[in-house]
Amino acid sequence: MEKPKQRISLKLAGKPYQMNIESDKEEVYRLAEREVNTSVNRWKKAFGDNFSTQDCLATTALLFSINNITTARQNQMEDEDMKALDALSQRLDKHLNRIPRRTKTKK
């Protein structure tokens, strides 16, 4: 079943962009819009007339991509660590199951 869609307008670096999105994702799009504009404005303040809006957008895209790649790699490492821990846990369980259990003897 297709999710309901809605048309929204996002303003990035002063330019409006119309798009159709799934209704339940609007908040994510609005938060992304805010982050992009905050970053662009930060670069404009830092570099003034030396940086065009396009330069600010390019730098923002680069930094967001770097963060995305870094996060993906961290998640991959965490997945690999969890797999290694799971394998270790299974080996430990096998080992512990081979150890004879002591039974209490009556005196």
Protein backbone atom coordinates (compact mmCIF):
# COMPACT_ATOMS: atom_id res chain seq x y z
CA MET A 1 0.00 0.00 0.00
CA GLU A 2 1.39 3.37 -1.02
CA LYS A 3 1.91 5.92 1.75
CA PRO A 4 0.01 9.22 1.48
CA LYS A 5 2.03 12.03 -0.09
CA GLN A 6 1.90 15.76 0.27
CA ARG A 7 3.41 18.71 -1.53
CA ILE A 8 5.71 20.92 0.49
CA SER A 9 7.98 23.84 -0.22
CA LEU A 10 11.44 24.02 1.31
CA LYS A 11 13.54 27.15 1.15
CA LEU A 12 17.25 26.38 0.91
CA ALA A 13 19.69 29.29 0.89
CA GLY A 14 16.80 31.59 0.00
CA LYS A 15 15.55 29.57 -2.96
CA PRO A 16 12.23 27.68 -2.73
CA TYR A 17 12.01 24.05 -3.82
CA GLN A 18 8.67 22.28 -4.31
CA MET A 19 8.53 18.55 -3.74
CA ASN A 20 6.17 15.68 -3.07
CA ILE A 21 7.07 13.66 0.00
CA GLU A 22 5.51 10.96 2.16
CA SER A 23 3.40 12.75 4.76
CA ASP A 24 5.07 11.03 7.70
CA LYS A 25 8.50 12.37 6.65
CA GLU A 26 7.68 16.07 6.68
CA GLU A 27 9.33 16.67 10.05
CA VAL A 28 12.61 15.16 8.81
CA TYR A 29 12.53 17.37 5.72
CA ARG A 30 11.85 20.48 7.80
CA LEU A 31 14.68 19.64 10.20
CA ALA A 32 17.03 19.07 7.26
CA GLU A 33 15.96 22.40 5.76
CA ARG A 34 16.81 24.12 9.04
CA GLU A 35 20.20 22.39 9.29
CA VAL A 36 21.18 23.29 5.72
CA ASN A 37 20.19 26.94 6.19
CA THR A 38 22.00 27.15 9.53
CA SER A 39 25.16 25.76 7.96
CA VAL A 40 24.95 28.05 4.91
CA ASN A 41 24.46 31.08 7.15
CA ARG A 42 27.39 30.04 9.33
CA TRP A 43 29.65 29.85 6.25
CA LYS A 44 28.38 33.22 4.98
CA LYS A 45 29.18 34.81 8.35
CA ALA A 46 32.60 33.18 8.53
CA PHE A 47 33.75 34.07 5.02
CA GLY A 48 31.58 37.03 4.07
CA ASP A 49 31.87 38.20 0.48
CA ASN A 50 34.70 35.73 -0.18
CA PHE A 51 32.16 32.89 -0.32
CA SER A 52 29.19 32.84 -2.69
CA THR A 53 25.93 31.12 -1.79
CA GLN A 54 26.99 28.30 -4.10
CA ASP A 55 30.29 27.98 -2.19
CA CYS A 56 28.37 27.85 1.09
CA LEU A 57 26.03 25.16 -0.26
CA ALA A 58 28.93 23.12 -1.66
CA THR A 59 30.81 23.29 1.64
CA THR A 60 27.65 22.36 3.54
CA ALA A 61 27.07 19.38 1.22
CA LEU A 62 30.67 18.26 1.66
CA LEU A 63 30.50 18.44 5.46
CA PHE A 64 27.13 16.65 5.59
CA SER A 65 28.54 13.92 3.33
CA ILE A 66 31.62 13.54 5.52
CA ASN A 67 29.38 13.22 8.59
CA ASN A 68 27.17 10.69 6.81
CA ILE A 69 30.14 8.55 5.75
CA THR A 70 31.67 8.74 9.23
CA THR A 71 28.38 7.67 10.83
CA ALA A 72 27.94 4.81 8.35
CA ARG A 73 31.47 3.57 9.08
CA GLN A 74 30.90 3.78 12.84
CA ASN A 75 27.65 1.82 12.47
CA GLN A 76 29.46 -0.78 10.35
CA MET A 77 32.17 -1.10 12.99
CA GLU A 78 29.55 -1.42 15.71
CA ASP A 79 27.79 -4.14 13.68
CA GLU A 80 31.10 -5.98 13.26
CA ASP A 81 31.82 -5.62 16.99
CA MET A 82 28.36 -6.99 17.84
CA LYS A 83 28.90 -9.95 15.50
CA ALA A 84 32.28 -10.64 17.12
CA LEU A 85 30.73 -10.43 20.60
CA ASP A 86 27.90 -12.72 19.55
CA ALA A 87 30.38 -15.28 18.18
CA LEU A 88 32.41 -15.06 21.39
CA SER A 89 29.26 -15.50 23.46
CA GLN A 90 28.29 -18.59 21.47
CA ARG A 91 31.77 -20.08 21.93
CA LEU A 92 31.60 -19.36 25.64
CA ASP A 93 28.14 -20.98 25.88
CA LYS A 94 29.41 -24.11 24.08
CA HIS A 95 32.39 -24.29 26.41
CA LEU A 96 30.29 -23.82 29.54
CA ASN A 97 27.82 -26.46 28.39
CA ARG A 98 30.65 -29.02 28.12
CA ILE A 99 31.75 -28.51 31.73
CA PRO A 100 30.12 -31.16 33.92
CA ARG A 101 27.84 -29.66 36.51
CA ARG A 102 28.35 -30.54 40.11
CA THR A 103 25.43 -32.16 41.78
CA LYS A 104 24.87 -31.89 45.47
CA THR A 105 25.35 -35.11 47.34
CA LYS A 106 23.39 -35.99 50.43
CA LYS A 107 25.36 -36.71 53.60
